[in-house]
Amino acid sequence: MAENSSALRIVGPTRLSGEVTVTGAKNSALKLMAASLLAPGKNTLYNVPQIADVDIMSELLTRMGCTVTFDRATLTMEIDVPEVPGHKAEYELVRKMRASINVLGPILTRVGIAEISLPGGDAIGSRGLDFHIAGLEALGATISFEHGYIIATAPNGLVGATFELNFPSVGATENLMTAAVLAKGTTTLYNVAREPDIIDLGEYLIAMGAKIEGLGSSTLIIEGVDSLHAASHSTLPDRIVTGTWAFAAAMTQGDITIKGGRADHLEIPLDKLVATGAVVTTTSDGFRVRMDQRPIAVDIATLPYPGFPTDLQPMAISLNAIARGSAMVTENVFEARFMFVNELRRLGANITVDGHHAAVSGVPLLSGAPVAATDIRAGAGLVLAALVADGVTIVEDSFHIERGYPNFAADLRTLGADVTTI
């Protein structure tokens, strides 16, 4: 289980070296858990990460009538879904995690009604639900908002339709996929997200009996079926955790072998690390990142997959903060993702923000100071910066990090970092 902490104390500078193992992806596991609502019976998920968000989703499913058991030793989860699950997701849990909105599609298409509290989660931007709502309305749902809840109804079931997303939103793509699998007729979705998590979800749905074509492309064709059956599926490895360790190796002039990491899911980030001077080599069960010099600054612009992931943007800024030269980091996905730059400046980083651009001029060494995590990835980015800062850095609100990184502090210690949980 993730350490129950409120702060991490890091003494730098340090060089990370050794081996770390990546488990299942947070962004996939939570959506697979929500999709389990589509089929009555016992669904089994393997390689489920031990993170706080998984516990929150487990509690949400339990309150909707499911029986959830999680074997932490084997990372195996069983979700026993009733014939008629509950249709309400309450504010108390939904406010803690944006992924809660992913129960909307499965519950609506299965039960004909869903009442979902408007979600909370990370403070990284407005990420409205417009695409989710417009897509579900295209499938025949009636949607209203009352007392902070989305109320979606389709008493006679959803009907296949053609819908194009204005932006390839991951969450909207997932909700529309899970809604369309039980709709009457064929649904064609254009400009969908192409993340590995989407493919993972699609493969799980197909194992449950869904008919889906086009996984990995920008167009999905889904032929509705009358019912789905319980299935088992293994969560794909977490590419953001993998990428975080890769950046950590480059930043600390370290040498880290990442077991379970999929280099093919991180082509652009790894190309960027090679441009900074890192050496990336594949291994039999992952890949290795080695850096023998101070990194060279590199320009980065975030984009939907297969572009550079917005979730790795804080790590890119932290790397450029101690790199040789200057670079521009452009955020094209979440407008508030630069909130953590003010914290990074407290460590001595030289960063100027203008709109969705951050100009970073590298300094040889940062300086330890107290900082606060504002979201999962900002917290991880601050920890990496603390590793290349002289003296003690306290990262407050580190509970954010635990929502996305299993055993982060313990893994850092294994790699040689001086990290303690306060």
Protein backbone atom coordinates (compact mmCIF):
# COMPACT_ATOMS: atom_id res chain seq x y z
CA MET A 1 0.00 0.00 0.00
CA ALA A 2 1.20 3.55 -0.67
CA GLU A 3 2.71 5.13 2.40
CA ASN A 4 0.15 7.21 4.25
CA SER A 5 2.07 10.46 4.33
CA SER A 6 1.54 14.17 4.20
CA ALA A 7 5.09 15.16 3.23
CA LEU A 8 8.34 13.77 1.82
CA ARG A 9 11.76 14.93 3.03
CA ILE A 10 14.44 14.65 0.35
CA VAL A 11 18.15 15.37 0.80
CA GLY A 12 20.04 16.18 -2.41
CA PRO A 13 21.81 16.22 -4.65
CA THR A 14 21.81 12.50 -5.39
CA ARG A 15 22.40 10.11 -8.29
CA LEU A 16 19.80 7.39 -8.86
CA SER A 17 21.06 3.98 -9.86
CA GLY A 18 19.57 0.49 -9.93
CA GLU A 19 16.40 -1.29 -10.96
CA VAL A 20 12.73 -0.42 -10.52
CA THR A 21 9.59 -2.34 -11.53
CA VAL A 22 6.55 -0.67 -13.07
CA THR A 23 3.11 -2.15 -12.39
CA GLY A 24 -0.30 -1.52 -13.98
CA ALA A 25 -1.35 1.90 -15.24
CA LYS A 26 -3.48 4.08 -12.98
CA ASN A 27 -5.24 5.63 -15.99
CA SER A 28 -6.11 2.19 -17.32
CA ALA A 29 -6.94 0.27 -14.14
CA LEU A 30 -9.53 2.80 -12.98
CA LYS A 31 -11.34 2.67 -16.36
CA LEU A 32 -11.23 -1.13 -16.45
CA MET A 33 -12.77 -1.20 -12.98
CA ALA A 34 -15.57 1.14 -14.11
CA ALA A 35 -16.16 -0.92 -17.27
CA SER A 36 -16.69 -4.03 -15.14
CA LEU A 37 -20.13 -2.60 -14.34
CA LEU A 38 -21.19 -3.61 -17.87
CA ALA A 39 -21.30 -7.36 -17.10
CA PRO A 40 -22.90 -9.21 -14.19
CA GLY A 41 -20.77 -11.83 -12.49
CA LYS A 42 -17.15 -12.02 -11.38
CA ASN A 43 -14.70 -9.92 -13.43
CA THR A 44 -10.99 -10.42 -12.72
CA LEU A 45 -8.31 -7.77 -13.28
CA TYR A 46 -4.58 -8.49 -12.98
CA ASN A 47 -1.61 -6.15 -12.45
CA VAL A 48 -3.77 -3.57 -10.64
CA PRO A 49 -1.58 -0.85 -9.04
CA GLN A 50 -1.61 -0.35 -5.26
CA ILE A 51 -2.56 3.32 -5.23
CA ALA A 52 -5.07 5.45 -3.37
CA ASP A 53 -7.25 6.06 -6.45
CA VAL A 54 -7.81 2.31 -6.84
CA ASP A 55 -9.09 2.22 -3.26
CA ILE A 56 -11.46 5.13 -4.00
CA MET A 57 -12.82 3.42 -7.14
CA SER A 58 -13.21 0.16 -5.17
CA GLU A 59 -15.33 1.99 -2.59
CA LEU A 60 -17.40 3.62 -5.34
CA LEU A 61 -18.12 0.24 -6.97
CA THR A 62 -18.92 -1.28 -3.57
CA ARG A 63 -21.52 1.41 -2.94
CA MET A 64 -23.04 0.62 -6.34
CA GLY A 65 -23.63 -2.96 -5.17
CA CYS A 66 -20.45 -4.71 -6.32
CA THR A 67 -18.26 -6.94 -4.17
CA VAL A 68 -14.62 -5.94 -4.68
CA THR A 69 -11.68 -8.01 -3.38
CA PHE A 70 -8.07 -6.96 -3.98
CA ASP A 71 -5.17 -9.31 -3.32
CA ARG A 72 -2.31 -6.87 -2.82
CA ALA A 73 0.31 -9.61 -2.90
CA THR A 74 -0.60 -10.70 -6.43
CA LEU A 75 -2.14 -7.35 -7.59
CA THR A 76 -5.29 -9.30 -8.55
CA MET A 77 -8.75 -7.76 -8.20
CA GLU A 78 -12.12 -9.51 -8.42
CA ILE A 79 -15.23 -7.41 -9.03
CA ASP A 80 -18.48 -9.30 -8.56
CA VAL A 81 -21.17 -7.23 -10.28
CA PRO A 82 -24.87 -7.68 -9.43
CA GLU A 83 -27.61 -8.17 -12.03
CA VAL A 84 -28.77 -4.60 -11.40
CA PRO A 85 -26.03 -2.33 -10.02
CA GLY A 86 -26.82 0.94 -8.29
CA HIS A 87 -26.99 4.01 -10.52
CA LYS A 88 -25.80 6.77 -8.19
CA ALA A 89 -22.20 7.90 -7.62
CA GLU A 90 -22.09 10.24 -4.67
CA TYR A 91 -20.14 13.46 -4.24
CA GLU A 92 -18.19 12.26 -1.22
CA LEU A 93 -16.18 9.83 -3.42
CA VAL A 94 -16.46 11.41 -6.85
CA ARG A 95 -14.97 14.70 -5.64
CA LYS A 96 -11.71 12.91 -4.80
CA MET A 97 -11.08 11.55 -8.28
CA ARG A 98 -11.95 12.64 -11.82
CA ALA A 99 -11.94 9.05 -13.09
CA SER A 100 -15.22 8.52 -11.21
CA ILE A 101 -16.98 10.01 -14.25
CA ASN A 102 -16.09 6.79 -16.08
CA VAL A 103 -18.98 4.94 -14.41
CA LEU A 104 -21.41 7.19 -16.34
CA GLY A 105 -21.29 5.33 -19.69
CA PRO A 106 -21.47 1.77 -18.28
CA ILE A 107 -24.27 2.51 -15.79
CA LEU A 108 -26.37 4.52 -18.25
CA THR A 109 -26.25 1.89 -20.98
CA ARG A 110 -26.77 -1.01 -18.54
CA VAL A 111 -29.45 0.38 -16.19
CA GLY A 112 -31.00 3.18 -18.25
CA ILE A 113 -30.31 5.87 -15.64
CA ALA A 114 -27.17 7.30 -14.05
CA GLU A 115 -26.79 9.99 -11.38
CA ILE A 116 -23.16 11.00 -11.10
CA SER A 117 -21.84 13.84 -8.96
CA LEU A 118 -19.73 16.33 -10.91
CA PRO A 119 -16.13 15.10 -10.47
CA GLY A 120 -13.21 16.62 -8.61
CA GLY A 121 -9.56 15.55 -8.63
CA ASP A 122 -6.45 17.39 -9.73
CA ALA A 123 -6.23 21.17 -10.03
CA ILE A 124 -4.86 21.19 -13.57
CA GLY A 125 -7.60 22.78 -15.65
CA SER A 126 -11.28 22.90 -16.45
CA ARG A 127 -11.58 19.67 -18.48
CA GLY A 128 -15.30 20.12 -19.01
CA LEU A 129 -17.69 17.26 -19.62
CA ASP A 130 -19.11 18.81 -22.79
CA PHE A 131 -17.77 16.02 -25.06
CA HIS A 132 -19.11 13.28 -22.77
CA ILE A 133 -22.55 14.89 -22.68
CA ALA A 134 -22.80 15.72 -26.40
CA GLY A 135 -21.75 12.18 -27.31
CA LEU A 136 -24.21 10.50 -24.94
CA GLU A 137 -27.00 12.79 -26.20
CA ALA A 138 -26.12 11.70 -29.76
CA LEU A 139 -26.70 8.12 -28.56
CA GLY A 140 -30.17 9.09 -27.35
CA ALA A 141 -29.59 9.97 -23.69
CA THR A 142 -31.46 12.79 -21.96
CA ILE A 143 -29.14 14.71 -19.67
CA SER A 144 -29.82 17.32 -17.00
CA PHE A 145 -27.97 18.85 -14.05
CA GLU A 146 -29.54 18.98 -10.61
CA HIS A 147 -27.95 19.82 -7.24
CA GLY A 148 -24.40 19.15 -8.47
CA TYR A 149 -25.28 15.87 -10.20
CA ILE A 150 -25.36 14.83 -13.85
CA ILE A 151 -28.59 12.92 -14.37
CA ALA A 152 -28.58 10.87 -17.56
CA THR A 153 -31.54 8.75 -18.63
CA ALA A 154 -32.23 6.37 -21.50
CA PRO A 155 -35.18 4.26 -20.32
CA ASN A 156 -35.50 2.47 -23.67
CA GLY A 157 -31.75 2.01 -24.10
CA LEU A 158 -29.18 3.88 -26.18
CA VAL A 159 -29.16 3.81 -29.98
CA GLY A 160 -26.07 3.69 -32.20
CA ALA A 161 -25.06 6.98 -33.81
CA THR A 162 -22.22 8.77 -35.57
CA PHE A 163 -20.32 11.29 -33.44
CA GLU A 164 -17.13 13.31 -33.87
CA LEU A 165 -15.23 14.64 -30.87
CA ASN A 166 -13.99 18.23 -31.19
CA PHE A 167 -10.88 17.17 -29.26
CA PRO A 168 -9.57 13.61 -28.73
CA SER A 169 -10.56 13.52 -25.05
CA VAL A 170 -9.51 10.30 -23.32
CA GLY A 171 -12.32 10.37 -20.75
CA ALA A 172 -15.02 11.13 -23.33
CA THR A 173 -13.72 8.42 -25.67
CA GLU A 174 -13.88 5.89 -22.82
CA ASN A 175 -17.38 6.88 -21.70
CA LEU A 176 -18.73 6.75 -25.26
CA MET A 177 -17.07 3.37 -25.93
CA THR A 178 -18.55 1.83 -22.80
CA ALA A 179 -21.97 3.32 -23.54
CA ALA A 180 -22.01 2.22 -27.19
CA VAL A 181 -21.16 -1.46 -26.59
CA LEU A 182 -24.74 -2.15 -25.38
CA ALA A 183 -26.51 0.39 -27.64
CA LYS A 184 -28.85 -0.80 -30.38
CA GLY A 185 -27.12 -0.72 -33.75
CA THR A 186 -23.74 0.61 -34.83
CA THR A 187 -21.88 3.60 -33.37
CA THR A 188 -19.06 5.31 -35.28
CA LEU A 189 -16.82 7.63 -33.25
CA TYR A 190 -14.43 10.00 -35.05
CA ASN A 191 -11.38 11.85 -33.67
CA VAL A 192 -11.19 9.56 -30.64
CA ALA A 193 -8.22 9.39 -28.27
CA ARG A 194 -5.54 6.85 -29.26
CA GLU A 195 -3.75 6.36 -25.92
CA PRO A 196 -2.59 2.84 -25.00
CA ASP A 197 -5.18 3.03 -22.18
CA ILE A 198 -7.96 3.22 -24.81
CA ILE A 199 -6.65 0.09 -26.52
CA ASP A 200 -6.42 -1.63 -23.12
CA LEU A 201 -10.05 -0.77 -22.34
CA GLY A 202 -11.15 -1.89 -25.80
CA GLU A 203 -9.44 -5.25 -25.42
CA TYR A 204 -11.17 -5.78 -22.07
CA LEU A 205 -14.56 -4.91 -23.60
CA ILE A 206 -13.91 -7.33 -26.48
CA ALA A 207 -13.05 -10.05 -23.93
CA MET A 208 -16.50 -9.34 -22.40
CA GLY A 209 -18.15 -9.89 -25.78
CA ALA A 210 -18.18 -6.37 -27.27
CA LYS A 211 -17.70 -5.82 -31.01
CA ILE A 212 -15.19 -3.00 -31.60
CA GLU A 213 -13.09 -2.17 -34.67
CA GLY A 214 -10.37 0.44 -35.08
CA LEU A 215 -8.58 0.30 -31.71
CA GLY A 216 -5.44 2.45 -31.88
CA SER A 217 -6.81 4.56 -34.75
CA SER A 218 -8.76 7.82 -34.62
CA THR A 219 -12.03 6.11 -35.68
CA LEU A 220 -13.88 3.46 -33.69
CA ILE A 221 -16.76 1.38 -35.06
CA ILE A 222 -18.78 -0.30 -32.31
CA GLU A 223 -21.57 -2.73 -33.06
CA GLY A 224 -23.91 -2.94 -30.09
CA VAL A 225 -24.64 -6.31 -28.50
CA ASP A 226 -27.55 -7.39 -26.27
CA SER A 227 -25.40 -8.23 -23.24
CA LEU A 228 -21.83 -8.71 -22.08
CA HIS A 229 -20.34 -11.41 -19.84
CA ALA A 230 -17.76 -11.27 -17.06
CA ALA A 231 -14.14 -11.56 -18.22
CA SER A 232 -10.54 -11.32 -17.04
CA HIS A 233 -7.85 -8.90 -18.23
CA SER A 234 -4.34 -7.76 -17.28
CA THR A 235 -3.73 -4.00 -16.94
CA LEU A 236 -1.04 -2.62 -19.22
CA PRO A 237 2.10 -1.11 -17.58
CA ASP A 238 1.94 2.53 -16.48
CA ARG A 239 3.68 4.63 -19.13
CA ILE A 240 3.63 7.82 -17.01
CA VAL A 241 5.34 6.12 -14.05
CA THR A 242 7.74 4.56 -16.58
CA GLY A 243 8.44 7.97 -18.11
CA THR A 244 8.95 9.52 -14.67
CA TRP A 245 11.72 7.02 -13.88
CA ALA A 246 13.29 7.66 -17.29
CA PHE A 247 13.41 11.41 -16.62
CA ALA A 248 14.72 10.76 -13.10
CA ALA A 249 17.67 8.83 -14.55
CA ALA A 250 18.49 11.63 -17.00
CA MET A 251 18.12 14.43 -14.44
CA THR A 252 20.28 12.84 -11.75
CA GLN A 253 22.97 11.67 -14.22
CA GLY A 254 21.93 8.21 -13.12
CA ASP A 255 21.45 4.72 -14.50
CA ILE A 256 18.03 3.10 -14.05
CA THR A 257 16.69 -0.14 -15.51
CA ILE A 258 12.89 0.02 -15.69
CA LYS A 259 11.42 -3.50 -15.57
CA GLY A 260 7.97 -3.78 -17.12
CA GLY A 261 8.31 -0.42 -18.89
CA ARG A 262 7.07 -0.24 -22.49
CA ALA A 263 9.46 1.88 -24.56
CA ASP A 264 7.06 1.66 -27.53
CA HIS A 265 4.47 3.64 -25.53
CA LEU A 266 6.98 6.47 -24.93
CA GLU A 267 8.65 7.00 -28.30
CA ILE A 268 8.56 10.81 -28.27
CA PRO A 269 9.55 11.27 -24.59
CA LEU A 270 12.46 8.85 -25.00
CA ASP A 271 13.55 10.59 -28.22
CA LYS A 272 13.58 13.84 -26.23
CA LEU A 273 15.71 12.24 -23.51
CA VAL A 274 18.19 11.02 -26.13
CA ALA A 275 18.35 14.63 -27.36
CA THR A 276 19.31 15.70 -23.82
CA GLY A 277 22.26 13.29 -23.93
CA ALA A 278 20.77 10.18 -22.33
CA VAL A 279 21.46 6.67 -23.60
CA VAL A 280 18.34 4.48 -23.88
CA THR A 281 18.70 0.73 -24.45
CA THR A 282 16.01 -1.93 -24.47
CA THR A 283 16.23 -4.97 -22.18
CA SER A 284 14.42 -8.31 -22.23
CA ASP A 285 11.64 -7.01 -19.98
CA GLY A 286 11.83 -3.21 -20.23
CA PHE A 287 14.53 -0.65 -20.93
CA ARG A 288 17.46 1.18 -19.35
CA VAL A 289 18.21 4.92 -19.23
CA ARG A 290 21.75 6.12 -18.48
CA MET A 291 23.09 9.68 -18.36
CA ASP A 292 26.79 10.51 -18.02
CA GLN A 293 26.64 14.31 -18.28
CA ARG A 294 24.56 17.32 -17.33
CA PRO A 295 21.48 17.20 -19.60
CA ILE A 296 21.15 19.47 -22.64
CA ALA A 297 17.98 21.64 -22.65
CA VAL A 298 15.26 20.41 -25.02
CA ASP A 299 12.07 22.05 -26.35
CA ILE A 300 8.86 20.13 -25.63
CA ALA A 301 5.20 20.61 -26.62
CA THR A 302 2.48 18.43 -25.10
CA LEU A 303 -0.11 16.87 -27.40
CA PRO A 304 -2.61 14.01 -27.29
CA TYR A 305 -1.08 10.56 -27.87
CA PRO A 306 1.17 9.73 -29.67
CA GLY A 307 2.51 13.21 -28.82
CA PHE A 308 4.43 14.15 -25.68
CA PRO A 309 2.13 13.39 -22.69
CA THR A 310 0.88 16.30 -20.62
CA ASP A 311 1.40 14.08 -17.55
CA LEU A 312 5.17 14.15 -18.15
CA GLN A 313 5.33 17.93 -18.66
CA PRO A 314 6.32 18.69 -15.02
CA MET A 315 9.25 16.25 -15.36
CA ALA A 316 10.31 17.97 -18.60
CA ILE A 317 10.30 21.38 -16.93
CA SER A 318 12.26 20.02 -13.94
CA LEU A 319 14.86 18.50 -16.27
CA ASN A 320 15.24 21.73 -18.24
CA ALA A 321 15.58 23.63 -14.95
CA ILE A 322 19.00 22.01 -14.37
CA ALA A 323 20.00 21.50 -18.03
CA ARG A 324 22.68 23.24 -20.09
CA GLY A 325 21.08 26.05 -22.09
CA SER A 326 17.48 27.22 -22.40
CA ALA A 327 14.31 25.58 -23.70
CA MET A 328 10.62 26.24 -24.27
CA VAL A 329 7.95 23.96 -22.85
CA THR A 330 4.50 24.42 -24.40
CA GLU A 331 1.36 23.04 -22.74
CA ASN A 332 -1.40 22.31 -25.27
CA VAL A 333 -3.69 20.05 -23.19
CA PHE A 334 -4.34 21.46 -19.67
CA GLU A 335 -4.25 25.21 -19.19
CA ALA A 336 -3.49 25.16 -15.46
CA ARG A 337 -0.65 22.65 -15.56
CA PHE A 338 1.97 25.40 -14.95
CA MET A 339 0.67 26.00 -11.42
CA PHE A 340 3.61 24.05 -10.02
CA VAL A 341 6.16 26.37 -11.67
CA ASN A 342 5.90 28.75 -8.71
CA GLU A 343 6.93 25.89 -6.43
CA LEU A 344 9.85 25.00 -8.71
CA ARG A 345 11.00 28.62 -8.58
CA ARG A 346 11.27 28.25 -4.80
CA LEU A 347 14.03 25.73 -5.48
CA GLY A 348 15.89 28.29 -7.59
CA ALA A 349 14.60 27.40 -11.05
CA ASN A 350 14.71 30.14 -13.69
CA ILE A 351 11.33 29.92 -15.45
CA THR A 352 9.18 32.52 -17.18
CA VAL A 353 5.57 31.63 -18.00
CA ASP A 354 3.63 33.38 -20.77
CA GLY A 355 0.21 31.85 -21.44
CA HIS A 356 0.77 28.21 -22.30
CA HIS A 357 4.54 28.63 -22.81
CA ALA A 358 7.23 28.24 -20.14
CA ALA A 359 10.73 29.48 -20.99
CA VAL A 360 13.24 27.59 -18.84
CA SER A 361 16.89 28.61 -18.43
CA GLY A 362 18.92 25.88 -16.78
CA VAL A 363 21.01 26.38 -13.63
CA PRO A 364 23.73 23.90 -12.53
CA LEU A 365 22.09 23.03 -9.21
CA LEU A 366 18.81 23.82 -7.50
CA SER A 367 18.55 24.68 -3.79
CA GLY A 368 16.45 22.76 -1.25
CA ALA A 369 13.35 24.49 0.15
CA PRO A 370 9.81 23.65 1.31
CA VAL A 371 7.37 23.19 -1.60
CA ALA A 372 3.84 21.83 -2.04
CA ALA A 373 2.43 19.34 -4.57
CA THR A 374 -0.73 20.58 -6.34
CA ASP A 375 -1.46 17.37 -8.26
CA ILE A 376 -0.04 13.89 -8.86
CA ARG A 377 2.41 14.76 -11.64
CA ALA A 378 3.43 18.14 -10.23
CA GLY A 379 4.30 16.33 -7.01
CA ALA A 380 6.46 13.81 -8.85
CA GLY A 381 8.13 16.61 -10.81
CA LEU A 382 8.97 18.43 -7.57
CA VAL A 383 10.46 15.25 -6.08
CA LEU A 384 12.72 14.87 -9.13
CA ALA A 385 13.76 18.51 -8.78
CA ALA A 386 14.51 17.89 -5.08
CA LEU A 387 16.88 15.09 -6.09
CA VAL A 388 19.01 17.65 -7.99
CA ALA A 389 18.76 20.36 -5.30
CA ASP A 390 21.44 21.08 -2.70
CA GLY A 391 20.23 20.40 0.84
CA VAL A 392 16.82 19.47 2.24
CA THR A 393 13.55 19.81 0.32
CA ILE A 394 10.20 19.10 1.97
CA VAL A 395 7.43 18.25 -0.52
CA GLU A 396 4.15 18.92 1.30
CA ASP A 397 0.81 17.34 0.31
CA SER A 398 2.57 14.26 -1.00
CA PHE A 399 -0.71 12.33 -0.72
CA HIS A 400 -1.26 13.55 -4.30
CA ILE A 401 1.77 11.54 -5.44
CA GLU A 402 0.47 8.39 -3.76
CA ARG A 403 -2.64 8.58 -5.94
CA GLY A 404 -0.52 7.74 -8.98
CA TYR A 405 2.77 6.18 -7.85
CA PRO A 406 2.77 2.94 -5.83
CA ASN A 407 5.52 2.88 -3.18
CA PHE A 408 7.24 5.95 -4.65
CA ALA A 409 9.39 6.79 -1.62
CA ALA A 410 10.44 3.14 -1.16
CA ASP A 411 11.40 2.85 -4.84
CA LEU A 412 13.46 6.05 -4.60
CA ARG A 413 15.30 4.69 -1.57
CA THR A 414 16.02 1.46 -3.48
CA LEU A 415 17.65 3.62 -6.19
CA GLY A 416 19.84 5.39 -3.62
CA ALA A 417 17.84 8.50 -2.74
CA ASP A 418 17.71 9.95 0.78
CA VAL A 419 13.92 10.14 1.11
CA THR A 420 11.89 9.90 4.31
CA THR A 421 8.17 10.08 4.85
CA ILE A 422 7.04 12.68 7.37
